[in-house]
Every structure is written in C-alpha cells, then in structure tokens.
C-alpha cells in the first residue's frame, strides 16, 4: 500500500509500505505461534516452521490451509498422530514480533537447545562464489526493492546460483519460508544466504536444514558463532560483493570449488 505522507528535503520516490499482518500458525486446531509477517508464501511458512521448530517432519504433514480472518490470517496445518502427541508434550506459547525468534519459549533448555551437527559434505566454495552469491541475491528481492523494509533468505548452489528465495518483514520468517520451499522443491547441497544478522536461532534453523554453509550480509552474535562451530556449519558474515569474514569451519572455503 501507499500511505499518506509528507516529504521533507530532497525529492525522491514514494515507496509502497511493506505489508505486516498477524499470522497464526495452528497445528491440529491449536495455535502454536502468532507472528507478525508478510502475507506471502504462507504454506511455505507453515511447513518450514514445523520443520525448523521440531514440530513435524515433511512426511508428517497431512495438509495446510490458509484462512483469512477479520484480524489476520490463520494458517491451519494438520499433522499426523505421532508429531501431534509430541507437540502436546511441549509447552510453548509464542507471540512473536518480527525482531525476535525466541519470544515466548518458556525454558532455557528450549531456547538454547542443542542441534544435530550437519551431515558430512564435500561442498567447497571459493571466495569468488561467496561474494557472487551475495551480489546475486539482490536480483531475488522484489519486495525489498519496492519497500526497503523486508529481509530475504535464499538457497545458493555452486551449479545454479540462487535457486530459491523468500522475503518477509521478519528475518526468522524469511528463513522458515525458505525451509518450507526447500521441502517442496529439494535442492542440491549449497548455502543459506541471509540479508540479516545471524543470531543463535537462525543457526539452529540452518542446522535443521542441514546447510553446511551460512552466508550473511550482517554480523553474527558470539553465541551464533559458537553454535555454528559445534554444528559443523561454515559461518560467513559481513559479506559484500567485494569482501567477507569467515568465522567457523574455514576449510570449506578454497580456491577449488567442489560440489557434494
């Protein structure tokens, strides 16, 4: 939308505003989380959230329905009996603003949960490919181009470049949407590319995806670096088309690219 506004100073384009609505993620009739999100790719969002939060694996999801309500959107996901019982044992109620991926978790153990290390991978990436992946991401951010107000998460592969990308006002939401898209359209081994800073919860989600490499435009937190090291993830951050910093498992960055 384009809201009324007053412009001061030099003239420039009046950009549309990014949509932000309340999205309830409901599993078998019970709301698990309410996130402020961009109302696009919501089936991907539900499937990705279920995967990265340990609610249900792809084969355990029986259906997803997006239902508009007067106050927002209810994404109703139906899961099999085994994950439903597992979910019933979890105590989690989350009302999530766009900046926080751990809001509402009711125990330190859940917030700082261990992750299974990513599977061994022969993937190797060159410095040029890292910088090229960051440069290529700009062509897959139409909402950002229009609004300058959303994040992106993408899957990059050595052979195909940016294979999938999703955008959202929330950086965690964007990564969950990417996870759901990867469920529907599996890709060769590659890297997650993020436009945001890297916090511990984003590393947790990337580990669930089995991503051997994470490339981010902004900086990581110290906890994110420690978790990436423990999870076997090569964490690259402060990435630009002409430079980047590598924090963990630097051996995957070589002058000779290898596709697993």
C-alpha atoms as a PDB file:
ATOM      1  CA  UNK A   1       0.000   0.000   0.000  1.00  0.00           C
ATOM      2  CA  UNK A   2       0.979   3.672  -0.283  1.00  0.00           C
ATOM      3  CA  UNK A   3       0.076   5.621   2.846  1.00  0.00           C
ATOM      4  CA  UNK A   4      -0.382   9.404   3.042  1.00  0.00           C
ATOM      5  CA  UNK A   5       2.887  11.053   3.910  1.00  0.00           C
ATOM      6  CA  UNK A   6       4.700  14.356   3.974  1.00  0.00           C
ATOM      7  CA  UNK A   7       8.063  14.561   2.257  1.00  0.00           C
ATOM      8  CA  UNK A   8      10.754  16.899   3.557  1.00  0.00           C
ATOM      9  CA  UNK A   9      14.090  17.637   1.976  1.00  0.00           C
ATOM     10  CA  UNK A  10      15.213  16.369  -1.430  1.00  0.00           C
ATOM     11  CA  UNK A  11      12.582  14.763  -3.707  1.00  0.00           C
ATOM     12  CA  UNK A  12      12.543  11.016  -4.186  1.00  0.00           C
ATOM     13  CA  UNK A  13      10.238   8.097  -4.959  1.00  0.00           C
ATOM     14  CA  UNK A  14       7.296   7.412  -2.619  1.00  0.00           C
ATOM     15  CA  UNK A  15       7.780   3.725  -1.919  1.00  0.00           C
ATOM     16  CA  UNK A  16       4.908   1.398  -1.006  1.00  0.00           C
ATOM     17  CA  UNK A  17       4.876   0.156   2.559  1.00  0.00           C
ATOM     18  CA  UNK A  18       5.582  -3.480   3.366  1.00  0.00           C
ATOM     19  CA  UNK A  19       2.566  -5.491   4.467  1.00  0.00           C
ATOM     20  CA  UNK A  20       2.671  -6.780   8.029  1.00  0.00           C
ATOM     21  CA  UNK A  21      -0.198  -8.870   9.393  1.00  0.00           C
ATOM     22  CA  UNK A  22      -0.802 -11.223  12.292  1.00  0.00           C
ATOM     23  CA  UNK A  23      -0.320 -14.809  11.120  1.00  0.00           C
ATOM     24  CA  UNK A  24      -1.418 -17.612  13.424  1.00  0.00           C
ATOM     25  CA  UNK A  25       0.350 -20.931  12.924  1.00  0.00           C
ATOM     26  CA  UNK A  26      -2.176 -23.540  14.019  1.00  0.00           C
ATOM     27  CA  UNK A  27      -1.466 -27.260  14.290  1.00  0.00           C
ATOM     28  CA  UNK A  28      -4.367 -29.700  14.571  1.00  0.00           C
ATOM     29  CA  UNK A  29      -6.625 -26.913  15.766  1.00  0.00           C
ATOM     30  CA  UNK A  30      -4.301 -25.446  18.395  1.00  0.00           C
ATOM     31  CA  UNK A  31      -2.422 -22.218  17.773  1.00  0.00           C
ATOM     32  CA  UNK A  32       1.284 -22.737  18.319  1.00  0.00           C
ATOM     33  CA  UNK A  33       2.537 -19.265  17.420  1.00  0.00           C
ATOM     34  CA  UNK A  34       1.343 -15.873  16.240  1.00  0.00           C
ATOM     35  CA  UNK A  35       3.881 -13.998  14.167  1.00  0.00           C
ATOM     36  CA  UNK A  36       3.766 -10.585  12.539  1.00  0.00           C
ATOM     37  CA  UNK A  37       4.632 -11.500   8.968  1.00  0.00           C
ATOM     38  CA  UNK A  38       4.366 -10.632   5.303  1.00  0.00           C
ATOM     39  CA  UNK A  39       1.242 -12.374   3.925  1.00  0.00           C
ATOM     40  CA  UNK A  40       3.016 -14.237   1.125  1.00  0.00           C
ATOM     41  CA  UNK A  41       4.220 -17.838   0.794  1.00  0.00           C
ATOM     42  CA  UNK A  42       2.294 -18.785   3.928  1.00  0.00           C
ATOM     43  CA  UNK A  43       2.084 -22.502   3.138  1.00  0.00           C
ATOM     44  CA  UNK A  44       5.882 -22.475   2.878  1.00  0.00           C
ATOM     45  CA  UNK A  45       5.927 -20.615   6.192  1.00  0.00           C
ATOM     46  CA  UNK A  46       3.863 -23.271   7.970  1.00  0.00           C
ATOM     47  CA  UNK A  47       5.826 -26.200   6.571  1.00  0.00           C
ATOM     48  CA  UNK A  48       9.150 -24.530   7.288  1.00  0.00           C
ATOM     49  CA  UNK A  49       8.191 -23.508  10.823  1.00  0.00           C
ATOM     50  CA  UNK A  50       7.018 -27.048  11.554  1.00  0.00           C
ATOM     51  CA  UNK A  51      10.367 -28.403  10.371  1.00  0.00           C
ATOM     52  CA  UNK A  52      12.766 -25.899  11.940  1.00  0.00           C
ATOM     53  CA  UNK A  53      10.924 -25.842  15.274  1.00  0.00           C
ATOM     54  CA  UNK A  54      10.849 -29.638  15.509  1.00  0.00           C
ATOM     55  CA  UNK A  55       7.059 -29.883  15.339  1.00  0.00           C
ATOM     56  CA  UNK A  56       6.781 -32.186  12.332  1.00  0.00           C
ATOM     57  CA  UNK A  57       8.906 -33.528   9.526  1.00  0.00           C
ATOM     58  CA  UNK A  58       7.738 -33.049   5.928  1.00  0.00           C
ATOM     59  CA  UNK A  59       6.215 -36.536   5.636  1.00  0.00           C
ATOM     60  CA  UNK A  60       4.237 -35.980   8.843  1.00  0.00           C
ATOM     61  CA  UNK A  61       2.306 -33.001   7.481  1.00  0.00           C
ATOM     62  CA  UNK A  62      -1.081 -34.039   6.110  1.00  0.00           C
ATOM     63  CA  UNK A  63      -2.303 -30.681   4.816  1.00  0.00           C
ATOM     64  CA  UNK A  64      -2.097 -26.889   5.075  1.00  0.00           C
ATOM     65  CA  UNK A  65      -4.947 -24.390   4.630  1.00  0.00           C
ATOM     66  CA  UNK A  66      -4.591 -20.602   4.667  1.00  0.00           C
ATOM     67  CA  UNK A  67      -7.710 -18.998   6.183  1.00  0.00           C
ATOM     68  CA  UNK A  68      -8.315 -15.235   6.195  1.00  0.00           C
ATOM     69  CA  UNK A  69      -9.928 -13.819   9.355  1.00  0.00           C
ATOM     70  CA  UNK A  70     -11.043 -10.275  10.248  1.00  0.00           C
ATOM     71  CA  UNK A  71      -7.924  -9.711  12.357  1.00  0.00           C
ATOM     72  CA  UNK A  72      -5.292 -11.605  10.396  1.00  0.00           C
ATOM     73  CA  UNK A  73      -4.552 -14.957   8.796  1.00  0.00           C
ATOM     74  CA  UNK A  74      -4.841 -18.417  10.337  1.00  0.00           C
ATOM     75  CA  UNK A  75      -2.559 -20.963   8.681  1.00  0.00           C
ATOM     76  CA  UNK A  76      -4.060 -24.285   9.676  1.00  0.00           C
ATOM     77  CA  UNK A  77      -1.700 -27.241   9.456  1.00  0.00           C
ATOM     78  CA  UNK A  78      -2.728 -30.832  10.047  1.00  0.00           C
ATOM     79  CA  UNK A  79      -0.098 -33.271  11.259  1.00  0.00           C
ATOM     80  CA  UNK A  80      -0.044 -37.000  11.919  1.00  0.00           C
ATOM     81  CA  UNK A  81      -0.723 -38.575  15.299  1.00  0.00           C
ATOM     82  CA  UNK A  82       2.905 -39.118  16.334  1.00  0.00           C
ATOM     83  CA  UNK A  83       4.052 -35.496  15.914  1.00  0.00           C
ATOM     84  CA  UNK A  84       0.732 -34.299  17.360  1.00  0.00           C
ATOM     85  CA  UNK A  85       1.431 -36.255  20.547  1.00  0.00           C
ATOM     86  CA  UNK A  86       4.982 -34.912  20.580  1.00  0.00           C
ATOM     87  CA  UNK A  87       3.671 -31.372  20.224  1.00  0.00           C
ATOM     88  CA  UNK A  88       1.175 -31.860  23.046  1.00  0.00           C
ATOM     89  CA  UNK A  89       4.093 -32.589  25.378  1.00  0.00           C
ATOM     90  CA  UNK A  90       5.762 -29.323  24.525  1.00  0.00           C
ATOM     91  CA  UNK A  91       4.827 -26.230  26.473  1.00  0.00           C
ATOM     92  CA  UNK A  92       5.251 -23.307  24.153  1.00  0.00           C
ATOM     93  CA  UNK A  93       3.106 -20.251  23.530  1.00  0.00           C
ATOM     94  CA  UNK A  94       4.707 -17.664  21.318  1.00  0.00           C
ATOM     95  CA  UNK A  95       3.588 -14.196  20.253  1.00  0.00           C
ATOM     96  CA  UNK A  96       6.450 -13.171  18.009  1.00  0.00           C
ATOM     97  CA  UNK A  97       7.382  -9.638  16.944  1.00  0.00           C
ATOM     98  CA  UNK A  98       9.469  -9.521  13.786  1.00  0.00           C
ATOM     99  CA  UNK A  99      12.757  -8.980  15.623  1.00  0.00           C
ATOM    100  CA  UNK A 100      12.713 -11.972  17.940  1.00  0.00           C
ATOM    101  CA  UNK A 101      12.796 -15.637  17.070  1.00  0.00           C
ATOM    102  CA  UNK A 102      12.799 -16.958  20.635  1.00  0.00           C
ATOM    103  CA  UNK A 103       9.975 -14.921  22.190  1.00  0.00           C
ATOM    104  CA  UNK A 104       7.622 -16.968  24.324  1.00  0.00           C
ATOM    105  CA  UNK A 105       9.810 -20.033  24.755  1.00  0.00           C
ATOM    106  CA  UNK A 106       9.311 -20.991  28.364  1.00  0.00           C
ATOM    107  CA  UNK A 107      12.583 -22.706  29.253  1.00  0.00           C
ATOM    108  CA  UNK A 108      16.286 -22.111  28.863  1.00  0.00           C
ATOM    109  CA  UNK A 109      16.656 -25.657  27.547  1.00  0.00           C
ATOM    110  CA  UNK A 110      14.275 -24.923  24.669  1.00  0.00           C
ATOM    111  CA  UNK A 111      15.842 -21.566  23.811  1.00  0.00           C
ATOM    112  CA  UNK A 112      19.396 -22.947  23.855  1.00  0.00           C
ATOM    113  CA  UNK A 113      18.602 -26.382  22.528  1.00  0.00           C
ATOM    114  CA  UNK A 114      21.406 -28.481  21.115  1.00  0.00           C
ATOM    115  CA  UNK A 115      21.370 -29.164  17.407  1.00  0.00           C
ATOM    116  CA  UNK A 116      22.352 -32.237  15.461  1.00  0.00           C
ATOM    117  CA  UNK A 117      25.534 -31.429  13.503  1.00  0.00           C
ATOM    118  CA  UNK A 118      25.017 -31.075   9.776  1.00  0.00           C
ATOM    119  CA  UNK A 119      25.800 -34.202   7.750  1.00  0.00           C
ATOM    120  CA  UNK A 120      29.302 -34.515   6.285  1.00  0.00           C
ATOM    121  CA  UNK A 121      29.529 -32.703   2.968  1.00  0.00           C
ATOM    122  CA  UNK A 122      32.160 -32.446   0.274  1.00  0.00           C
ATOM    123  CA  UNK A 123      30.850 -28.978  -0.589  1.00  0.00           C
ATOM    124  CA  UNK A 124      33.643 -26.447  -1.052  1.00  0.00           C
ATOM    125  CA  UNK A 125      33.104 -22.828  -2.033  1.00  0.00           C
ATOM    126  CA  UNK A 126      35.526 -20.275  -3.404  1.00  0.00           C
ATOM    127  CA  UNK A 127      35.826 -16.696  -2.145  1.00  0.00           C
ATOM    128  CA  UNK A 128      34.544 -15.533  -5.528  1.00  0.00           C
ATOM    129  CA  UNK A 129      31.456 -17.705  -5.171  1.00  0.00           C
ATOM    130  CA  UNK A 130      30.747 -16.310  -1.693  1.00  0.00           C
ATOM    131  CA  UNK A 131      30.873 -12.747  -2.966  1.00  0.00           C
ATOM    132  CA  UNK A 132      28.942 -13.727  -6.080  1.00  0.00           C
ATOM    133  CA  UNK A 133      26.156 -15.275  -4.007  1.00  0.00           C
ATOM    134  CA  UNK A 134      25.713 -12.037  -2.071  1.00  0.00           C
ATOM    135  CA  UNK A 135      25.729  -9.993  -5.259  1.00  0.00           C
ATOM    136  CA  UNK A 136      23.223 -12.336  -6.928  1.00  0.00           C
ATOM    137  CA  UNK A 137      20.744 -12.125  -4.063  1.00  0.00           C
ATOM    138  CA  UNK A 138      19.767  -8.563  -4.974  1.00  0.00           C
ATOM    139  CA  UNK A 139      18.023  -9.833  -8.115  1.00  0.00           C
ATOM    140  CA  UNK A 140      15.750 -12.030  -5.970  1.00  0.00           C
ATOM    141  CA  UNK A 141      14.405  -9.335  -3.640  1.00  0.00           C
ATOM    142  CA  UNK A 142      11.445  -7.677  -5.364  1.00  0.00           C
ATOM    143  CA  UNK A 143       9.738  -6.736  -2.095  1.00  0.00           C
ATOM    144  CA  UNK A 144      12.925  -5.195  -0.766  1.00  0.00           C
ATOM    145  CA  UNK A 145      13.360  -3.253  -3.984  1.00  0.00           C
ATOM    146  CA  UNK A 146       9.838  -1.885  -3.640  1.00  0.00           C
ATOM    147  CA  UNK A 147       9.731  -1.198   0.096  1.00  0.00           C
ATOM    148  CA  UNK A 148      13.259  -1.291   1.548  1.00  0.00           C
ATOM    149  CA  UNK A 149      11.646  -2.941   4.590  1.00  0.00           C
ATOM    150  CA  UNK A 150      11.979  -6.715   4.330  1.00  0.00           C
ATOM    151  CA  UNK A 151      14.583  -9.431   4.786  1.00  0.00           C
ATOM    152  CA  UNK A 152      15.435 -12.271   2.426  1.00  0.00           C
ATOM    153  CA  UNK A 153      16.675 -15.825   2.837  1.00  0.00           C
ATOM    154  CA  UNK A 154      17.908 -17.790  -0.158  1.00  0.00           C
ATOM    155  CA  UNK A 155      19.409 -21.145  -1.112  1.00  0.00           C
ATOM    156  CA  UNK A 156      22.529 -20.898  -3.276  1.00  0.00           C
ATOM    157  CA  UNK A 157      24.157 -23.811  -5.104  1.00  0.00           C
ATOM    158  CA  UNK A 158      27.540 -23.884  -6.879  1.00  0.00           C
ATOM    159  CA  UNK A 159      26.000 -25.043 -10.143  1.00  0.00           C
ATOM    160  CA  UNK A 160      22.848 -22.940 -10.250  1.00  0.00           C
ATOM    161  CA  UNK A 161      23.405 -19.861  -8.122  1.00  0.00           C
ATOM    162  CA  UNK A 162      20.341 -18.638  -6.220  1.00  0.00           C
ATOM    163  CA  UNK A 163      17.838 -21.465  -6.588  1.00  0.00           C
ATOM    164  CA  UNK A 164      15.123 -20.313  -4.163  1.00  0.00           C
ATOM    165  CA  UNK A 165      14.483 -17.107  -2.228  1.00  0.00           C
ATOM    166  CA  UNK A 166      11.798 -15.916   0.151  1.00  0.00           C
ATOM    167  CA  UNK A 167      11.169 -12.486   1.720  1.00  0.00           C
ATOM    168  CA  UNK A 168       9.426 -11.318   4.881  1.00  0.00           C
ATOM    169  CA  UNK A 169       9.401  -8.425   7.321  1.00  0.00           C
ATOM    170  CA  UNK A 170      10.841 -10.876   9.864  1.00  0.00           C
ATOM    171  CA  UNK A 171      14.238 -12.437   9.280  1.00  0.00           C
ATOM    172  CA  UNK A 172      13.215 -15.654  11.063  1.00  0.00           C
ATOM    173  CA  UNK A 173      10.038 -15.809   8.989  1.00  0.00           C
ATOM    174  CA  UNK A 174      12.016 -15.443   5.779  1.00  0.00           C
ATOM    175  CA  UNK A 175      14.217 -18.395   6.727  1.00  0.00           C
ATOM    176  CA  UNK A 176      11.201 -20.516   7.708  1.00  0.00           C
ATOM    177  CA  UNK A 177       9.562 -19.705   4.366  1.00  0.00           C
ATOM    178  CA  UNK A 178      12.753 -20.776   2.608  1.00  0.00           C
ATOM    179  CA  UNK A 179      12.754 -24.010   4.631  1.00  0.00           C
ATOM    180  CA  UNK A 180       9.200 -24.732   3.509  1.00  0.00           C
ATOM    181  CA  UNK A 181      10.084 -24.002  -0.098  1.00  0.00           C
ATOM    182  CA  UNK A 182      13.012 -26.432   0.144  1.00  0.00           C
ATOM    183  CA  UNK A 183      10.624 -29.101   1.426  1.00  0.00           C
ATOM    184  CA  UNK A 184       8.516 -28.693  -1.705  1.00  0.00           C
ATOM    185  CA  UNK A 185      11.453 -28.268  -4.081  1.00  0.00           C
ATOM    186  CA  UNK A 186      14.562 -30.078  -2.774  1.00  0.00           C
ATOM    187  CA  UNK A 187      17.853 -28.613  -3.987  1.00  0.00           C
ATOM    188  CA  UNK A 188      21.453 -29.826  -4.309  1.00  0.00           C
ATOM    189  CA  UNK A 189      23.876 -29.090  -1.460  1.00  0.00           C
ATOM    190  CA  UNK A 190      24.544 -25.387  -1.052  1.00  0.00           C
ATOM    191  CA  UNK A 191      24.452 -22.414   1.266  1.00  0.00           C
ATOM    192  CA  UNK A 192      21.821 -20.372   3.051  1.00  0.00           C
ATOM    193  CA  UNK A 193      22.220 -16.681   2.178  1.00  0.00           C
ATOM    194  CA  UNK A 194      20.704 -14.134   4.575  1.00  0.00           C
ATOM    195  CA  UNK A 195      20.261 -10.371   4.450  1.00  0.00           C
ATOM    196  CA  UNK A 196      20.179 -10.137   8.244  1.00  0.00           C
ATOM    197  CA  UNK A 197      22.432 -10.508  11.240  1.00  0.00           C
ATOM    198  CA  UNK A 198      22.947 -14.084  12.434  1.00  0.00           C
ATOM    199  CA  UNK A 199      21.585 -14.967  15.867  1.00  0.00           C
ATOM    200  CA  UNK A 200      21.660 -18.352  17.556  1.00  0.00           C
ATOM    201  CA  UNK A 201      18.125 -19.251  16.489  1.00  0.00           C
ATOM    202  CA  UNK A 202      18.920 -18.728  12.822  1.00  0.00           C
ATOM    203  CA  UNK A 203      21.862 -21.113  13.186  1.00  0.00           C
ATOM    204  CA  UNK A 204      19.532 -23.620  14.857  1.00  0.00           C
ATOM    205  CA  UNK A 205      17.162 -23.419  11.878  1.00  0.00           C
ATOM    206  CA  UNK A 206      20.001 -23.682   9.349  1.00  0.00           C
ATOM    207  CA  UNK A 207      21.293 -26.783  11.142  1.00  0.00           C
ATOM    208  CA  UNK A 208      17.872 -28.427  10.867  1.00  0.00           C
ATOM    209  CA  UNK A 209      18.051 -27.775   7.122  1.00  0.00           C
ATOM    210  CA  UNK A 210      21.444 -29.477   7.036  1.00  0.00           C
ATOM    211  CA  UNK A 211      23.026 -26.389   5.497  1.00  0.00           C
ATOM    212  CA  UNK A 212      26.814 -26.739   5.551  1.00  0.00           C
ATOM    213  CA  UNK A 213      27.345 -23.028   4.845  1.00  0.00           C
ATOM    214  CA  UNK A 214      25.554 -19.867   6.005  1.00  0.00           C
ATOM    215  CA  UNK A 215      26.380 -16.550   4.341  1.00  0.00           C
ATOM    216  CA  UNK A 216      25.021 -13.359   5.911  1.00  0.00           C
ATOM    217  CA  UNK A 217      25.206  -9.714   4.990  1.00  0.00           C
ATOM    218  CA  UNK A 218      25.324  -8.556   8.602  1.00  0.00           C
ATOM    219  CA  UNK A 219      27.254  -9.680  11.679  1.00  0.00           C
ATOM    220  CA  UNK A 220      26.785 -12.788  13.835  1.00  0.00           C
ATOM    221  CA  UNK A 221      26.438 -12.887  17.586  1.00  0.00           C
ATOM    222  CA  UNK A 222      29.073 -14.668  19.626  1.00  0.00           C
ATOM    223  CA  UNK A 223      26.571 -17.375  20.578  1.00  0.00           C
ATOM    224  CA  UNK A 224      25.745 -17.931  16.923  1.00  0.00           C
ATOM    225  CA  UNK A 225      29.428 -18.407  16.124  1.00  0.00           C
ATOM    226  CA  UNK A 226      29.850 -20.939  18.921  1.00  0.00           C
ATOM    227  CA  UNK A 227      26.796 -22.908  17.828  1.00  0.00           C
ATOM    228  CA  UNK A 228      27.842 -22.865  14.160  1.00  0.00           C
ATOM    229  CA  UNK A 229      31.245 -24.240  15.164  1.00  0.00           C
ATOM    230  CA  UNK A 230      29.619 -27.038  17.184  1.00  0.00           C
ATOM    231  CA  UNK A 231      27.127 -27.817  14.417  1.00  0.00           C
ATOM    232  CA  UNK A 232      29.752 -28.120  11.690  1.00  0.00           C
ATOM    233  CA  UNK A 233      28.490 -25.067   9.798  1.00  0.00           C
ATOM    234  CA  UNK A 234      30.761 -22.708   7.921  1.00  0.00           C
ATOM    235  CA  UNK A 235      29.549 -19.280   9.069  1.00  0.00           C
ATOM    236  CA  UNK A 236      30.382 -16.388   6.771  1.00  0.00           C
ATOM    237  CA  UNK A 237      29.155 -12.901   7.661  1.00  0.00           C
ATOM    238  CA  UNK A 238      29.618  -9.203   6.913  1.00  0.00           C
ATOM    239  CA  UNK A 239      29.509 -10.374   3.318  1.00  0.00           C
ATOM    240  CA  UNK A 240      29.609  -7.919   0.448  1.00  0.00           C
ATOM    241  CA  UNK A 241      30.225  -8.303  -3.285  1.00  0.00           C
ATOM    242  CA  UNK A 242      33.893  -7.489  -2.625  1.00  0.00           C
ATOM    243  CA  UNK A 243      34.683  -8.925   0.842  1.00  0.00           C
ATOM    244  CA  UNK A 244      33.514 -11.116   3.724  1.00  0.00           C
ATOM    245  CA  UNK A 245      34.604 -12.505   7.086  1.00  0.00           C
ATOM    246  CA  UNK A 246      34.653 -16.259   7.780  1.00  0.00           C
ATOM    247  CA  UNK A 247      34.191 -17.353  11.408  1.00  0.00           C
ATOM    248  CA  UNK A 248      33.909 -21.155  11.533  1.00  0.00           C
ATOM    249  CA  UNK A 249      34.984 -24.211   9.532  1.00  0.00           C
ATOM    250  CA  UNK A 250      37.003 -22.099   7.140  1.00  0.00           C
ATOM    251  CA  UNK A 251      38.351 -25.239   5.443  1.00  0.00           C
ATOM    252  CA  UNK A 252      35.241 -25.254   3.211  1.00  0.00           C
ATOM    253  CA  UNK A 253      36.454 -22.030   1.584  1.00  0.00           C
ATOM    254  CA  UNK A 254      39.038 -22.947  -1.048  1.00  0.00           C
ATOM    255  CA  UNK A 255      40.174 -21.819  -4.458  1.00  0.00           C
ATOM    256  CA  UNK A 256      38.800 -25.032  -5.957  1.00  0.00           C
ATOM    257  CA  UNK A 257      35.033 -25.399  -5.668  1.00  0.00           C
ATOM    258  CA  UNK A 258      33.654 -28.889  -5.109  1.00  0.00           C
ATOM    259  CA  UNK A 259      30.013 -29.911  -5.368  1.00  0.00           C
ATOM    260  CA  UNK A 260      28.997 -32.667  -2.961  1.00  0.00           C
END
